[in-house]
Each structure stands twice: as C-alpha cells, then as structure tokens.
C-alpha cells in the first residue's frame, strides 16, 4: 500500500515482487486447503465407533435367550410325554 501511495508513483520492480509474494502465499493457502479438505473427506467420525456392533450383539443375545427358553419348554414337554408313556 505504501508503494502504491508513493507520490512519485509505484516502482514497477517492487510492485512485481509484492505481487509475486502475494500470489505465492495464495498458492500456498490453496495447497493447504486442498490437503485439509482431502483429509476431512477421508475422516470418518464414527469409524471407530462400536455402537452398532454392540447393539447387534445384544440383539443376537436376546434372540438366543428367547430361542433357548423355547427349547427348554419343548424339552420339558418331551420329557413329560416320554415319562407318561
């Protein structure tokens, strides 16, 4: 800004250097943003969450308990039938 406000006018070389530096900073920012966006896309927030596996396991256990209770009742009925015969 100081160079642009210079009463004798901006020096072309200095202005070009500032523009090159500015453009390089913009490119560096773009590269950093691309890397951050790429890493954000690869990130899966629930990747290590075992909630669904635990829930599925608990449901399977309940189903197994239910089946076992029915098998026990069936065994009792079979034992009663065989005992009376």
N, C-alpha and C. Protein backbone atom coordinates (compact mmCIF):
# COMPACT_ATOMS: atom_id res chain seq x y z
N UNK A 1 0.84 -1.19 0.00
CA UNK A 1 0.00 0.00 0.00
C UNK A 1 0.88 1.25 0.00
N UNK A 2 1.99 1.19 0.79
CA UNK A 2 2.90 2.33 0.82
C UNK A 2 3.48 2.61 -0.57
N UNK A 3 3.80 1.54 -1.26
CA UNK A 3 4.38 1.72 -2.60
C UNK A 3 3.37 2.32 -3.56
N UNK A 4 2.13 1.87 -3.46
CA UNK A 4 1.09 2.43 -4.34
C UNK A 4 0.80 3.89 -4.01
N UNK A 5 0.98 4.26 -2.75
CA UNK A 5 0.71 5.63 -2.33
C UNK A 5 1.92 6.54 -2.50
N UNK A 6 3.01 6.02 -2.99
CA UNK A 6 4.24 6.80 -3.19
C UNK A 6 3.95 7.98 -4.12
N UNK A 7 4.30 9.21 -3.71
CA UNK A 7 3.99 10.39 -4.53
C UNK A 7 4.65 10.35 -5.91
N UNK A 8 5.79 9.70 -6.02
CA UNK A 8 6.46 9.64 -7.33
C UNK A 8 5.94 8.48 -8.17
N UNK A 9 4.98 7.73 -7.62
CA UNK A 9 4.41 6.60 -8.35
C UNK A 9 5.05 5.30 -7.89
N UNK A 10 4.35 4.20 -8.07
CA UNK A 10 4.89 2.91 -7.61
C UNK A 10 6.06 2.46 -8.49
N UNK A 11 7.06 1.86 -7.83
CA UNK A 11 8.18 1.30 -8.58
C UNK A 11 7.75 -0.07 -9.09
N UNK A 12 7.91 -0.26 -10.38
CA UNK A 12 7.41 -1.46 -11.05
C UNK A 12 8.03 -2.73 -10.48
N UNK A 13 9.34 -2.72 -10.27
CA UNK A 13 10.02 -3.91 -9.75
C UNK A 13 9.50 -4.30 -8.37
N UNK A 14 9.40 -3.34 -7.50
CA UNK A 14 8.93 -3.60 -6.14
C UNK A 14 7.48 -4.08 -6.15
N UNK A 15 6.67 -3.47 -6.98
CA UNK A 15 5.27 -3.87 -7.09
C UNK A 15 5.17 -5.30 -7.63
N UNK A 16 5.99 -5.65 -8.62
CA UNK A 16 6.00 -7.02 -9.16
C UNK A 16 6.42 -8.02 -8.08
N UNK A 17 7.43 -7.66 -7.30
CA UNK A 17 7.87 -8.56 -6.22
C UNK A 17 6.76 -8.79 -5.20
N UNK A 18 6.09 -7.72 -4.82
CA UNK A 18 4.98 -7.85 -3.87
C UNK A 18 3.86 -8.71 -4.46
N UNK A 19 3.57 -8.52 -5.72
CA UNK A 19 2.52 -9.32 -6.38
C UNK A 19 2.93 -10.79 -6.43
N UNK A 20 4.19 -11.07 -6.75
CA UNK A 20 4.67 -12.46 -6.78
C UNK A 20 4.56 -13.10 -5.39
N UNK A 21 4.99 -12.36 -4.37
CA UNK A 21 4.89 -12.88 -3.00
C UNK A 21 3.44 -13.16 -2.62
N UNK A 22 2.57 -12.23 -2.98
CA UNK A 22 1.15 -12.39 -2.68
C UNK A 22 0.58 -13.62 -3.39
N UNK A 23 0.91 -13.78 -4.67
CA UNK A 23 0.41 -14.93 -5.43
C UNK A 23 0.96 -16.24 -4.87
N UNK A 24 2.21 -16.23 -4.43
CA UNK A 24 2.79 -17.44 -3.83
C UNK A 24 2.08 -17.78 -2.53
N UNK A 25 1.76 -16.78 -1.73
CA UNK A 25 1.01 -17.02 -0.50
C UNK A 25 -0.37 -17.59 -0.79
N UNK A 26 -1.02 -17.07 -1.83
CA UNK A 26 -2.34 -17.58 -2.22
C UNK A 26 -2.22 -19.05 -2.66
N UNK A 27 -1.19 -19.37 -3.43
CA UNK A 27 -0.99 -20.76 -3.87
C UNK A 27 -0.74 -21.67 -2.67
N UNK A 28 0.08 -21.20 -1.73
CA UNK A 28 0.34 -22.00 -0.53
C UNK A 28 -0.94 -22.25 0.26
N UNK A 29 -1.76 -21.23 0.36
CA UNK A 29 -3.04 -21.37 1.06
C UNK A 29 -3.93 -22.38 0.33
N UNK A 30 -3.96 -22.31 -1.00
CA UNK A 30 -4.77 -23.25 -1.77
C UNK A 30 -4.30 -24.69 -1.56
N UNK A 31 -2.99 -24.89 -1.57
CA UNK A 31 -2.45 -26.24 -1.35
C UNK A 31 -2.84 -26.75 0.04
N UNK A 32 -2.69 -25.88 1.03
CA UNK A 32 -3.05 -26.27 2.39
C UNK A 32 -4.54 -26.59 2.49
N UNK A 33 -5.37 -25.76 1.88
CA UNK A 33 -6.82 -26.02 1.90
C UNK A 33 -7.17 -27.33 1.21
N UNK A 34 -6.54 -27.59 0.07
CA UNK A 34 -6.80 -28.86 -0.64
C UNK A 34 -6.45 -30.05 0.24
N UNK A 35 -5.28 -29.96 0.90
CA UNK A 35 -4.86 -31.06 1.77
C UNK A 35 -5.83 -31.24 2.93
N UNK A 36 -6.27 -30.13 3.51
CA UNK A 36 -7.21 -30.21 4.64
C UNK A 36 -8.55 -30.78 4.19
N UNK A 37 -9.02 -30.34 3.04
CA UNK A 37 -10.30 -30.85 2.53
C UNK A 37 -10.18 -32.33 2.22
N UNK A 38 -9.08 -32.72 1.62
CA UNK A 38 -8.87 -34.14 1.30
C UNK A 38 -8.83 -34.97 2.57
N UNK A 39 -8.11 -34.50 3.58
CA UNK A 39 -8.04 -35.26 4.83
C UNK A 39 -9.40 -35.27 5.54
N UNK A 40 -10.18 -34.20 5.39
CA UNK A 40 -11.51 -34.17 6.01
C UNK A 40 -12.43 -35.17 5.32
N UNK A 41 -12.27 -35.35 4.02
CA UNK A 41 -13.10 -36.32 3.30
C UNK A 41 -12.74 -37.74 3.69
N UNK A 42 -11.47 -37.96 4.02
CA UNK A 42 -11.03 -39.30 4.41
C UNK A 42 -11.43 -39.61 5.85
N UNK A 43 -11.69 -38.57 6.64
CA UNK A 43 -12.04 -38.77 8.05
C UNK A 43 -13.47 -39.26 8.17
N UNK A 44 -13.65 -40.29 8.94
CA UNK A 44 -14.99 -40.82 9.21
C UNK A 44 -15.19 -40.76 10.71
N UNK A 45 -16.06 -39.86 11.15
CA UNK A 45 -16.18 -39.62 12.59
C UNK A 45 -16.60 -40.84 13.40
N UNK A 46 -17.37 -41.75 12.81
CA UNK A 46 -17.85 -42.90 13.57
C UNK A 46 -17.13 -44.17 13.16
N UNK A 47 -15.98 -44.01 12.51
CA UNK A 47 -15.23 -45.15 12.01
C UNK A 47 -14.86 -46.12 13.13
N UNK A 48 -14.46 -45.60 14.27
CA UNK A 48 -14.02 -46.46 15.35
C UNK A 48 -15.11 -46.70 16.38
N UNK A 49 -16.31 -46.27 16.08
CA UNK A 49 -17.43 -46.45 16.99
C UNK A 49 -17.92 -47.89 16.89
N UNK A 50 -18.09 -48.53 18.02
CA UNK A 50 -18.54 -49.92 18.01
C UNK A 50 -20.00 -50.03 18.47
N UNK A 51 -20.72 -48.92 18.45
CA UNK A 51 -22.11 -48.93 18.93
C UNK A 51 -22.97 -49.91 18.15
N UNK A 52 -22.92 -49.85 16.82
CA UNK A 52 -23.78 -50.72 16.03
C UNK A 52 -23.40 -52.18 16.23
N UNK A 53 -22.12 -52.48 16.35
CA UNK A 53 -21.70 -53.86 16.58
C UNK A 53 -22.18 -54.35 17.95
N UNK A 54 -22.05 -53.48 18.96
CA UNK A 54 -22.51 -53.86 20.30
C UNK A 54 -24.02 -54.06 20.32
N UNK A 55 -24.74 -53.16 19.66
CA UNK A 55 -26.20 -53.26 19.62
C UNK A 55 -26.62 -54.55 18.92
N UNK A 56 -25.99 -54.84 17.80
CA UNK A 56 -26.29 -56.06 17.07
C UNK A 56 -25.99 -57.29 17.92
N UNK A 57 -24.90 -57.24 18.65
CA UNK A 57 -24.54 -58.36 19.52
C UNK A 57 -25.56 -58.53 20.64
N UNK A 58 -26.00 -57.44 21.24
CA UNK A 58 -27.01 -57.52 22.30
C UNK A 58 -28.33 -58.08 21.78
N UNK A 59 -28.72 -57.65 20.59
CA UNK A 59 -29.96 -58.16 19.98
C UNK A 59 -29.84 -59.66 19.72
N UNK A 60 -28.68 -60.08 19.22
CA UNK A 60 -28.46 -61.50 18.97
C UNK A 60 -28.52 -62.30 20.26
N UNK A 61 -27.96 -61.76 21.34
CA UNK A 61 -28.02 -62.46 22.63
C UNK A 61 -29.46 -62.61 23.11
N UNK A 62 -30.24 -61.55 22.96
CA UNK A 62 -31.65 -61.63 23.37
C UNK A 62 -32.42 -62.66 22.55
N UNK A 63 -32.15 -62.69 21.25
CA UNK A 63 -32.80 -63.69 20.39
C UNK A 63 -32.40 -65.10 20.82
N UNK A 64 -31.13 -65.27 21.12
CA UNK A 64 -30.64 -66.58 21.56
C UNK A 64 -31.29 -66.99 22.87
N UNK A 65 -31.41 -66.06 23.81
CA UNK A 65 -32.08 -66.35 25.08
C UNK A 65 -33.53 -66.77 24.84
N UNK A 66 -34.19 -66.08 23.91
CA UNK A 66 -35.58 -66.40 23.59
C UNK A 66 -35.70 -67.82 23.02
N UNK A 67 -34.81 -68.15 22.08
CA UNK A 67 -34.83 -69.48 21.46
C UNK A 67 -34.53 -70.54 22.51
N UNK A 68 -33.53 -70.28 23.36
CA UNK A 68 -33.19 -71.25 24.40
C UNK A 68 -34.34 -71.49 25.36
N UNK A 69 -35.07 -70.43 25.70
CA UNK A 69 -36.21 -70.62 26.61
C UNK A 69 -37.27 -71.50 25.95
N UNK A 70 -37.50 -71.33 24.67
CA UNK A 70 -38.48 -72.17 23.96
C UNK A 70 -37.97 -73.61 23.84
N UNK A 71 -36.68 -73.77 23.62
CA UNK A 71 -36.14 -75.13 23.55
C UNK A 71 -36.26 -75.82 24.90
N UNK A 72 -36.04 -75.08 26.00
CA UNK A 72 -36.20 -75.67 27.33
C UNK A 72 -37.64 -76.12 27.56
N UNK A 73 -38.60 -75.28 27.14
CA UNK A 73 -40.02 -75.64 27.28
C UNK A 73 -40.33 -76.87 26.43
N UNK A 74 -39.79 -76.92 25.22
CA UNK A 74 -40.02 -78.09 24.35
C UNK A 74 -39.43 -79.35 24.99
N UNK A 75 -38.25 -79.23 25.58
CA UNK A 75 -37.61 -80.38 26.23
C UNK A 75 -38.47 -80.86 27.42
N UNK A 76 -39.01 -79.92 28.19
CA UNK A 76 -39.87 -80.29 29.32
C UNK A 76 -41.09 -81.06 28.82
N UNK A 77 -41.71 -80.55 27.73
CA UNK A 77 -42.89 -81.21 27.18
C UNK A 77 -42.54 -82.61 26.69
N UNK A 78 -41.38 -82.74 26.03
CA UNK A 78 -40.95 -84.06 25.53
C UNK A 78 -40.69 -84.99 26.70
N UNK A 79 -40.03 -84.49 27.75
CA UNK A 79 -39.74 -85.31 28.93
C UNK A 79 -41.05 -85.76 29.59
N UNK A 80 -42.02 -84.84 29.68
CA UNK A 80 -43.32 -85.20 30.28
C UNK A 80 -44.02 -86.25 29.43
N UNK A 81 -43.96 -86.11 28.13
CA UNK A 81 -44.61 -87.06 27.22
C UNK A 81 -43.98 -88.43 27.33
N UNK A 82 -42.63 -88.46 27.37
CA UNK A 82 -41.93 -89.73 27.46
C UNK A 82 -42.11 -90.37 28.84
N UNK A 83 -42.25 -89.54 29.87
CA UNK A 83 -42.46 -90.06 31.23
C UNK A 83 -43.84 -90.67 31.40
N UNK A 84 -44.82 -90.13 30.70
CA UNK A 84 -46.17 -90.65 30.84
C UNK A 84 -46.42 -91.84 29.92
N UNK A 85 -45.57 -92.04 28.95
CA UNK A 85 -45.80 -93.14 28.02
C UNK A 85 -45.25 -94.43 28.48
